[in-house]
Amino acid sequence: MAPHKTIIIGAGASGIAMSHTLKCKLGYTNFKIYEKREGLGGTWRANTYPGCGSDVAIHLYSFSFNLNPNWTEELCDQEEILNYMESTVDKFGLRPYIQFNCECLGATWSNERQLWDVTFLNLRTKEKLVESANVLLSAVGGFSQPRIVEFPGMEKFKGRVFHTAEWDHSYDYTGKKMAVIGNGCSAAQVVPNVAPRVAKLTQYARSAQWYHARPNHKFTRFEKACFNYVPLLQRYHRLKLFMSTDNLASVYGSSEKQIRQRVDIERKAMKYIRSQCPEKYHSFIVPDFPLGCKRRIFDPGYLKSLHNEHVDLLPEGIKELTETGIVSESGLYEDFDVIVLATGFQVQNFLAPMEIIGKNGKSLREQWASKAGAQAYMGTYVHNFPNFAML
C-alpha cells in the first residue's frame, strides 16, 4: 500500500482547518488525519465539564471559511461549538479522511527513504501500526494532555477523583461535599455551575487571578437575519472583533502608553473583583502581579457564587489527602465525597506523549532540552526535522 503522503495528528480545530485547506483550497487529497478520541473536536470533545464554554467572542473563534450566522450567544457553550465543528467537517466532506481511536506514539525520520515512519496505537484493538508519509503535521494542540497532580496520600482517598477534562458524568454529585483544586479558567466555570447542586464546596487556590466582566450577549432573531442576508456584515463584525482582541495584546508591552493602558485595565478589574466577591476574600483574591503573567479570566458568575454560604475559597495548597478528605498546607482538614482536579493541561510538554525523532537521531524533546527550551521557526518548523510542522 502506498503511504499517505501527508499525515495530520489530531482532529481538533487546527487539524480540521488544515484538512480544509489541503482538500478545498489546494485540491490535494492524499492525506489522512489520525485522532486518538472516538470523535473530532479536540479540546471541545475532551472538556465536557459543567459550564464549559468559550471565553473568546464566537464570531471570531470560528472557521473563517465557514462563518456561522446563527450562533445563539457571543460566548457559546461547549456543545454548540462541538456541533459546529461536526457540521463543518461534514459540510466540506472531510470525515472520510479521519481515522478515530488511533493514538500517535511517535515518528522517526528515515534519511534513506526521505519519509516519516509514524507509529500509531489502535485504542480499540490495542494493535500497533506504522504509516509512512512525506509530510507530518502535528495538530495536537496545547490542551491535549491533562495535568494530573499527584498529591501525597492520593491513593488513600476513598471518594471519587477526576480531572475537569475527564469529567465523570456517571457520578451524581448532588448533595455531595466537593473539593475543587485549582483556580484557572475551568475552575471559574465549574464552581458556579456545580454550586447549586452540591451540599458543600471548597476551592483550593494557591494564587490570585485577574477577573474581568464577561458580558455574554444573546443574539436576537433580527441580528441573526442580518448576519445571514446583509452582504459582508458578518465579515465586518468579525474584523472588528479581531482588531479589538489584537489590541488587548498590546497592553502587555513596555512602552509608557502600554503601561498606562495596562494599569487602567488592572484598576478596572480590581474594582470589578471587589464589587462581585465577598469582602472576606478581598485581602488575597486581587493579584499582586501585573496583568499578563497569567491568562485573564472573564468571569462566568464565579465571583458571585462565592457569596453562597456553602461555598468556601481557601487560598492554600494541598498538604495531603486522607481516606476521607484533604489537609491543607496550614493543617486545615475537611471531609469530601469527590475531588475535582481543575489543574489545567501540560501546555509546556509539547507534543506529549509523542516522541518525534529527526534526521540526526535525536528526539525533538532532546534537541529542545539542549537548547534554551522549545524553539521553532515562526512557531511551526524545527531545524533537523524535515517536512515536520506544528500547527
Protein backbone atom coordinates (compact mmCIF):
# COMPACT_ATOMS: atom_id res chain seq x y z
CA MET A 1 0.00 0.00 0.00
CA ALA A 2 1.32 3.41 -0.95
CA PRO A 3 1.94 5.60 2.10
CA HIS A 4 -0.19 8.61 2.80
CA LYS A 5 1.94 11.49 1.61
CA THR A 6 0.70 13.75 4.38
CA ILE A 7 -0.29 12.72 7.91
CA ILE A 8 -2.05 15.08 10.30
CA ILE A 9 -2.12 14.23 14.00
CA GLY A 10 -5.28 15.46 15.69
CA ALA A 11 -8.80 16.31 14.52
CA GLY A 12 -9.31 19.45 16.57
CA ALA A 13 -9.73 22.96 15.20
CA SER A 14 -6.26 23.24 13.61
CA GLY A 15 -6.42 19.75 12.10
CA ILE A 16 -9.82 20.49 10.58
CA ALA A 17 -8.64 23.84 9.22
CA MET A 18 -5.54 22.27 7.66
CA SER A 19 -7.53 19.45 6.05
CA HIS A 20 -9.95 22.00 4.59
CA THR A 21 -7.02 23.96 3.13
CA LEU A 22 -5.50 20.85 1.58
CA LYS A 23 -8.73 19.48 0.10
CA CYS A 24 -10.81 22.55 -0.72
CA LYS A 25 -8.21 25.21 -1.48
CA LEU A 26 -5.32 23.17 -2.91
CA GLY A 27 -7.26 20.23 -4.34
CA TYR A 28 -4.91 17.88 -2.51
CA THR A 29 -6.49 14.73 -1.10
CA ASN A 30 -3.58 12.39 -0.41
CA PHE A 31 -3.69 12.98 3.35
CA LYS A 32 -5.00 11.28 6.48
CA ILE A 33 -5.94 12.62 9.92
CA TYR A 34 -5.39 10.39 12.94
CA GLU A 35 -7.38 11.19 16.07
CA LYS A 36 -6.99 9.37 19.38
CA ARG A 37 -10.53 10.07 20.57
CA GLU A 38 -13.74 8.50 19.30
CA GLY A 39 -14.75 11.73 17.62
CA LEU A 40 -13.45 15.04 16.32
CA GLY A 41 -13.33 18.36 18.13
CA GLY A 42 -10.14 18.18 20.19
CA THR A 43 -10.46 20.14 23.41
CA TRP A 44 -14.18 20.71 22.75
CA ARG A 45 -14.78 16.98 22.84
CA ALA A 46 -12.48 16.29 25.78
CA ASN A 47 -13.84 19.05 28.01
CA THR A 48 -17.48 18.46 28.90
CA TYR A 49 -17.46 19.67 32.50
CA PRO A 50 -20.42 21.76 33.75
CA GLY A 51 -20.21 25.30 32.43
CA CYS A 52 -17.58 24.59 29.76
CA GLY A 53 -17.62 27.24 27.06
CA SER A 54 -15.61 29.77 25.09
CA ASP A 55 -14.29 32.99 26.59
CA VAL A 56 -13.50 34.39 23.14
CA ALA A 57 -16.21 36.03 21.02
CA ILE A 58 -17.62 33.18 18.94
CA HIS A 59 -17.85 35.10 15.66
CA LEU A 60 -14.06 35.36 15.89
CA TYR A 61 -13.49 31.94 17.48
CA SER A 62 -14.73 30.07 14.40
CA PHE A 63 -13.50 29.00 10.98
CA SER A 64 -13.03 31.85 8.51
CA PHE A 65 -14.07 29.51 5.70
CA ASN A 66 -17.34 28.56 7.40
CA LEU A 67 -18.87 31.53 9.18
CA ASN A 68 -21.96 30.70 11.20
CA PRO A 69 -24.60 33.46 11.24
CA ASN A 70 -26.79 31.54 13.68
CA TRP A 71 -24.69 31.47 16.84
CA THR A 72 -27.01 31.78 19.83
CA GLU A 73 -24.78 33.95 22.02
CA GLU A 74 -21.49 35.80 21.98
CA LEU A 75 -19.71 33.27 24.22
CA CYS A 76 -21.08 29.86 23.30
CA ASP A 77 -21.02 26.68 25.34
CA GLN A 78 -19.08 23.52 24.57
CA GLU A 79 -21.99 21.63 22.98
CA GLU A 80 -22.79 24.33 20.42
CA ILE A 81 -19.12 24.69 19.46
CA LEU A 82 -18.68 20.94 19.04
CA ASN A 83 -21.83 20.69 16.91
CA TYR A 84 -20.47 23.49 14.71
CA MET A 85 -17.19 21.63 14.24
CA GLU A 86 -19.03 18.41 13.39
CA SER A 87 -21.20 20.19 10.82
CA THR A 88 -18.14 21.90 9.30
CA VAL A 89 -16.39 18.57 8.74
CA ASP A 90 -19.50 17.10 7.09
CA LYS A 91 -20.21 20.20 5.01
CA PHE A 92 -16.79 20.03 3.35
CA GLY A 93 -16.60 16.23 3.14
CA LEU A 94 -13.63 15.85 5.49
CA ARG A 95 -14.87 12.96 7.65
CA PRO A 96 -13.65 10.18 5.29
CA TYR A 97 -10.10 11.45 5.82
CA ILE A 98 -10.23 10.98 9.60
CA GLN A 99 -9.36 7.77 11.43
CA PHE A 100 -10.59 7.79 15.02
CA ASN A 101 -9.43 5.86 18.09
CA CYS A 102 -5.87 5.93 16.79
CA GLU A 103 -3.22 7.48 19.04
CA CYS A 104 0.14 8.60 17.68
CA LEU A 105 3.01 7.22 19.77
CA GLY A 106 5.81 8.84 17.81
CA ALA A 107 7.56 9.27 14.49
CA THR A 108 11.07 8.73 13.09
CA TRP A 109 12.57 10.36 10.03
CA SER A 110 14.24 7.96 7.60
CA ASN A 111 17.24 9.60 5.92
CA GLU A 112 17.48 6.73 3.46
CA ARG A 113 13.83 6.80 2.33
CA GLN A 114 13.24 10.51 2.99
CA LEU A 115 10.00 9.66 4.75
CA TRP A 116 8.44 9.84 8.19
CA ASP A 117 7.61 6.48 9.76
CA VAL A 118 4.75 7.21 12.16
CA THR A 119 3.71 4.71 14.84
CA PHE A 120 0.10 4.52 15.99
CA LEU A 121 -1.81 2.54 18.58
CA ASN A 122 -5.34 1.46 17.75
CA LEU A 123 -7.08 2.12 21.05
CA ARG A 124 -9.83 -0.40 20.29
CA THR A 125 -7.77 -3.39 19.16
CA LYS A 126 -4.55 -2.38 21.01
CA GLU A 127 -2.63 -3.15 17.82
CA LYS A 128 0.30 -1.02 16.71
CA LEU A 129 0.69 0.09 13.11
CA VAL A 130 3.24 2.13 11.20
CA GLU A 131 2.34 4.51 8.39
CA SER A 132 4.78 6.44 6.20
CA ALA A 133 4.46 9.97 4.90
CA ASN A 134 6.47 12.67 3.18
CA VAL A 135 4.96 15.36 5.38
CA LEU A 136 3.98 15.12 9.06
CA LEU A 137 1.79 17.79 10.63
CA SER A 138 1.13 17.91 14.36
CA ALA A 139 -2.22 19.43 15.29
CA VAL A 140 -2.38 18.05 18.82
CA GLY A 141 -2.86 21.46 20.47
CA GLY A 142 -1.84 22.65 23.91
CA PHE A 143 -4.85 21.23 25.72
CA SER A 144 -4.47 17.57 24.78
CA GLN A 145 -2.90 16.17 27.96
CA PRO A 146 -4.49 16.97 31.35
CA ARG A 147 -2.07 18.00 34.09
CA ILE A 148 -2.66 15.40 36.78
CA VAL A 149 -1.06 16.43 40.06
CA GLU A 150 -0.08 13.63 42.44
CA PHE A 151 -0.70 14.78 46.00
CA PRO A 152 0.67 12.86 48.99
CA GLY A 153 -1.83 10.25 50.14
CA MET A 154 -3.88 10.48 46.94
CA GLU A 155 -4.07 6.68 46.69
CA LYS A 156 -5.71 6.55 50.13
CA PHE A 157 -8.72 8.69 49.28
CA LYS A 158 -11.84 6.52 49.06
CA GLY A 159 -14.05 9.03 47.29
CA ARG A 160 -14.08 9.97 43.60
CA VAL A 161 -11.28 11.93 41.92
CA PHE A 162 -11.33 13.17 38.33
CA HIS A 163 -9.92 15.97 36.19
CA THR A 164 -12.17 18.58 34.60
CA ALA A 165 -11.03 17.32 31.17
CA GLU A 166 -12.11 13.80 32.16
CA TRP A 167 -15.38 14.69 33.86
CA ASP A 168 -17.22 11.61 35.14
CA HIS A 169 -20.82 12.16 34.05
CA SER A 170 -21.85 8.85 35.60
CA TYR A 171 -21.18 10.32 39.04
CA ASP A 172 -24.08 12.21 40.65
CA TYR A 173 -22.59 14.95 42.80
CA THR A 174 -25.98 16.18 44.02
CA GLY A 175 -25.88 16.70 47.78
CA LYS A 176 -22.19 15.74 47.96
CA LYS A 177 -19.24 17.50 49.54
CA MET A 178 -16.93 18.59 46.68
CA ALA A 179 -13.39 19.95 46.61
CA VAL A 180 -12.16 21.86 43.56
CA ILE A 181 -8.37 22.11 43.31
CA GLY A 182 -7.14 24.96 41.12
CA ASN A 183 -8.46 28.36 40.08
CA GLY A 184 -7.86 28.76 36.36
CA CYS A 185 -10.46 29.17 33.63
CA SER A 186 -12.00 25.71 34.04
CA ALA A 187 -12.38 26.12 37.82
CA ALA A 188 -14.04 29.51 37.29
CA GLN A 189 -16.59 27.82 35.02
CA VAL A 190 -17.12 24.70 37.13
CA VAL A 191 -17.67 26.32 40.55
CA PRO A 192 -20.76 28.45 39.74
CA ASN A 193 -22.32 25.63 37.75
CA VAL A 194 -21.98 22.86 40.34
CA ALA A 195 -22.56 25.03 43.43
CA PRO A 196 -26.38 24.91 43.27
CA ARG A 197 -26.36 21.09 43.45
CA VAL A 198 -23.67 20.26 46.00
CA ALA A 199 -24.08 20.29 49.78
CA LYS A 200 -20.65 21.85 50.31
CA LEU A 201 -17.94 23.14 48.00
CA THR A 202 -14.41 24.17 48.96
CA GLN A 203 -12.00 25.52 46.38
CA TYR A 204 -8.25 25.38 46.97
CA ALA A 205 -6.47 28.22 45.17
CA ARG A 206 -2.82 28.97 45.83
CA SER A 207 -2.70 32.23 43.89
CA ALA A 208 -4.96 35.01 42.68
CA GLN A 209 -6.28 35.68 39.17
CA TRP A 210 -7.28 38.73 37.17
CA TYR A 211 -11.05 38.51 36.69
CA HIS A 212 -12.92 40.73 34.26
CA ALA A 213 -16.58 41.30 33.45
CA ARG A 214 -17.94 38.76 30.95
CA PRO A 215 -20.89 40.26 29.10
CA ASN A 216 -22.45 37.43 27.10
CA HIS A 217 -24.82 38.95 24.57
CA LYS A 218 -27.55 36.66 23.22
CA PHE A 219 -28.12 37.27 19.52
CA THR A 220 -31.64 38.23 18.55
CA ARG A 221 -33.54 36.83 15.56
CA PHE A 222 -33.06 40.18 13.85
CA GLU A 223 -29.27 40.09 14.36
CA LYS A 224 -29.09 36.55 13.02
CA ALA A 225 -31.15 37.57 9.99
CA CYS A 226 -28.79 40.46 9.34
CA PHE A 227 -25.77 38.17 9.56
CA ASN A 228 -27.49 35.80 7.12
CA TYR A 229 -28.68 38.28 4.50
CA VAL A 230 -26.73 41.55 4.70
CA PRO A 231 -23.63 41.12 2.50
CA LEU A 232 -20.29 41.26 4.33
CA LEU A 233 -21.90 42.29 7.65
CA GLN A 234 -20.62 39.22 9.47
CA ARG A 235 -17.17 39.64 7.93
CA TYR A 236 -17.10 43.23 9.15
CA HIS A 237 -18.23 42.16 12.62
CA ARG A 238 -15.51 39.52 12.69
CA LEU A 239 -12.88 42.06 11.63
CA LYS A 240 -13.92 44.42 14.44
CA LEU A 241 -13.64 41.57 16.94
CA PHE A 242 -10.18 40.71 15.63
CA MET A 243 -8.98 44.30 15.90
CA SER A 244 -10.28 44.71 19.44
CA THR A 245 -8.85 41.36 20.55
CA ASP A 246 -5.50 42.13 18.93
CA ASN A 247 -5.48 45.47 20.72
CA LEU A 248 -5.76 43.67 24.08
CA ALA A 249 -2.37 42.05 23.49
CA SER A 250 -0.75 45.46 23.02
CA VAL A 251 -1.17 46.31 26.72
CA TYR A 252 1.48 43.72 27.62
CA GLY A 253 4.24 45.87 26.12
CA SER A 254 6.78 48.07 27.91
CA SER A 255 6.15 51.50 26.41
CA GLU A 256 4.73 54.23 28.62
CA LYS A 257 1.44 54.19 26.73
CA GLN A 258 1.11 50.40 27.04
CA ILE A 259 1.92 50.52 30.74
CA ARG A 260 -0.74 53.20 31.29
CA GLN A 261 -3.29 51.07 29.42
CA ARG A 262 -2.38 48.01 31.43
CA VAL A 263 -2.61 49.84 34.75
CA ASP A 264 -6.01 51.21 33.75
CA ILE A 265 -7.30 47.69 32.92
CA GLU A 266 -5.90 46.42 36.22
CA ARG A 267 -7.66 49.20 38.10
CA LYS A 268 -10.99 48.37 36.45
CA ALA A 269 -10.50 44.64 37.08
CA MET A 270 -9.64 45.28 40.72
CA LYS A 271 -12.81 47.35 41.13
CA TYR A 272 -14.86 44.63 39.42
CA ILE A 273 -13.42 41.83 41.58
CA ARG A 274 -14.10 43.68 44.82
CA SER A 275 -17.61 44.60 43.74
CA GLN A 276 -18.52 40.98 42.97
CA CYS A 277 -16.94 38.76 45.62
CA PRO A 278 -17.41 38.67 49.42
CA GLU A 279 -15.37 41.20 51.38
CA LYS A 280 -13.72 38.44 53.42
CA TYR A 281 -11.76 37.41 50.31
CA HIS A 282 -10.59 40.90 49.29
CA SER A 283 -7.23 40.56 51.02
CA PHE A 284 -6.00 37.78 48.76
CA ILE A 285 -8.26 37.49 45.71
CA VAL A 286 -6.77 40.53 43.91
CA PRO A 287 -3.43 39.65 42.24
CA ASP A 288 -0.17 41.27 43.30
CA PHE A 289 1.37 40.59 39.88
CA PRO A 290 0.87 42.55 36.63
CA LEU A 291 -1.79 41.75 34.08
CA GLY A 292 -0.46 39.27 31.52
CA CYS A 293 1.51 37.00 33.86
CA LYS A 294 -1.41 34.59 33.75
CA ARG A 295 -4.28 34.08 31.36
CA ARG A 296 -7.07 36.56 32.00
CA ILE A 297 -10.41 35.14 33.19
CA PHE A 298 -13.68 36.63 32.01
CA ASP A 299 -15.93 35.92 34.95
CA PRO A 300 -18.81 33.50 34.20
CA GLY A 301 -20.52 34.18 37.52
CA TYR A 302 -17.71 32.69 39.59
CA LEU A 303 -17.15 35.66 41.92
CA LYS A 304 -20.85 35.95 42.76
CA SER A 305 -21.03 32.23 43.52
CA LEU A 306 -18.59 32.79 46.38
CA HIS A 307 -21.43 34.51 48.28
CA ASN A 308 -23.13 31.12 48.77
CA GLU A 309 -22.88 30.05 52.39
CA HIS A 310 -21.88 26.52 51.42
CA VAL A 311 -19.06 27.70 49.09
CA ASP A 312 -15.61 28.44 50.55
CA LEU A 313 -12.44 29.70 48.88
CA LEU A 314 -9.25 28.64 50.64
CA PRO A 315 -6.05 30.41 49.47
CA GLU A 316 -3.82 27.42 50.18
CA GLY A 317 -2.30 24.41 48.52
CA ILE A 318 -2.71 20.77 49.48
CA LYS A 319 -0.56 19.13 52.13
CA GLU A 320 -2.02 15.63 51.80
CA LEU A 321 -5.11 13.54 51.18
CA THR A 322 -6.53 11.13 53.69
CA GLU A 323 -9.06 8.34 53.24
CA THR A 324 -11.92 10.78 53.66
CA GLY A 325 -10.68 14.26 52.85
CA ILE A 326 -7.99 16.89 52.40
CA VAL A 327 -5.45 18.51 54.71
CA SER A 328 -4.42 21.97 53.52
CA GLU A 329 -0.91 23.45 53.79
CA SER A 330 -1.83 25.19 57.05
CA GLY A 331 -3.25 21.97 58.51
CA LEU A 332 -6.97 22.62 57.97
CA TYR A 333 -8.85 19.36 57.43
CA GLU A 334 -12.16 18.81 55.65
CA ASP A 335 -14.13 15.73 54.57
CA PHE A 336 -15.09 15.30 50.91
CA ASP A 337 -17.02 12.86 48.75
CA VAL A 338 -15.45 13.96 45.46
CA ILE A 339 -12.33 15.87 44.41
CA VAL A 340 -12.25 17.72 41.08
CA LEU A 341 -8.81 18.50 39.66
CA ALA A 342 -9.01 21.83 37.83
CA THR A 343 -5.24 21.78 37.39
CA GLY A 344 -5.03 22.62 33.71
CA PHE A 345 -3.01 20.97 30.96
CA GLN A 346 0.57 20.07 30.13
CA VAL A 347 0.93 23.13 27.91
CA GLN A 348 4.72 23.18 28.28
CA ASN A 349 5.12 19.50 27.49
CA PHE A 350 4.89 19.93 23.74
CA LEU A 351 3.60 17.02 21.64
CA ALA A 352 3.28 14.74 24.72
CA PRO A 353 3.31 11.78 24.74
CA MET A 354 4.69 11.53 21.19
CA GLU A 355 8.42 11.03 20.61
CA ILE A 356 9.50 12.71 17.36
CA ILE A 357 12.99 11.72 16.16
CA GLY A 358 14.66 13.82 13.48
CA LYS A 359 17.35 13.29 10.87
CA ASN A 360 20.24 13.37 13.37
CA GLY A 361 18.74 10.62 15.53
CA LYS A 362 17.78 12.98 18.34
CA SER A 363 14.25 13.45 19.58
CA LEU A 364 12.59 16.82 19.47
CA ARG A 365 12.48 16.84 23.27
CA GLU A 366 16.25 16.16 23.46
CA GLN A 367 17.07 18.91 20.98
CA TRP A 368 14.99 21.46 22.86
CA ALA A 369 16.46 20.37 26.20
CA SER A 370 19.99 21.01 24.87
CA LYS A 371 18.99 24.50 23.74
CA ALA A 372 17.10 27.25 25.55
CA GLY A 373 13.83 25.34 25.52
CA ALA A 374 11.27 24.98 22.74
CA GLN A 375 12.29 26.78 19.54
CA ALA A 376 10.63 26.77 16.12
CA TYR A 377 10.74 28.97 13.05
CA MET A 378 7.55 31.06 13.08
CA GLY A 379 6.38 28.71 15.83
CA THR A 380 5.94 25.97 13.24
CA TYR A 381 9.09 24.38 11.76
CA VAL A 382 12.06 22.95 13.66
CA HIS A 383 15.65 22.53 12.43
CA ASN A 384 16.67 18.86 11.89
CA PHE A 385 13.05 17.74 11.46
CA PRO A 386 12.38 17.77 7.71
CA ASN A 387 8.81 18.26 6.47
CA PHE A 388 7.52 18.35 10.03
CA ALA A 389 5.32 21.21 11.23
CA MET A 390 3.36 22.09 14.36
CA LEU A 391 0.03 23.82 13.84
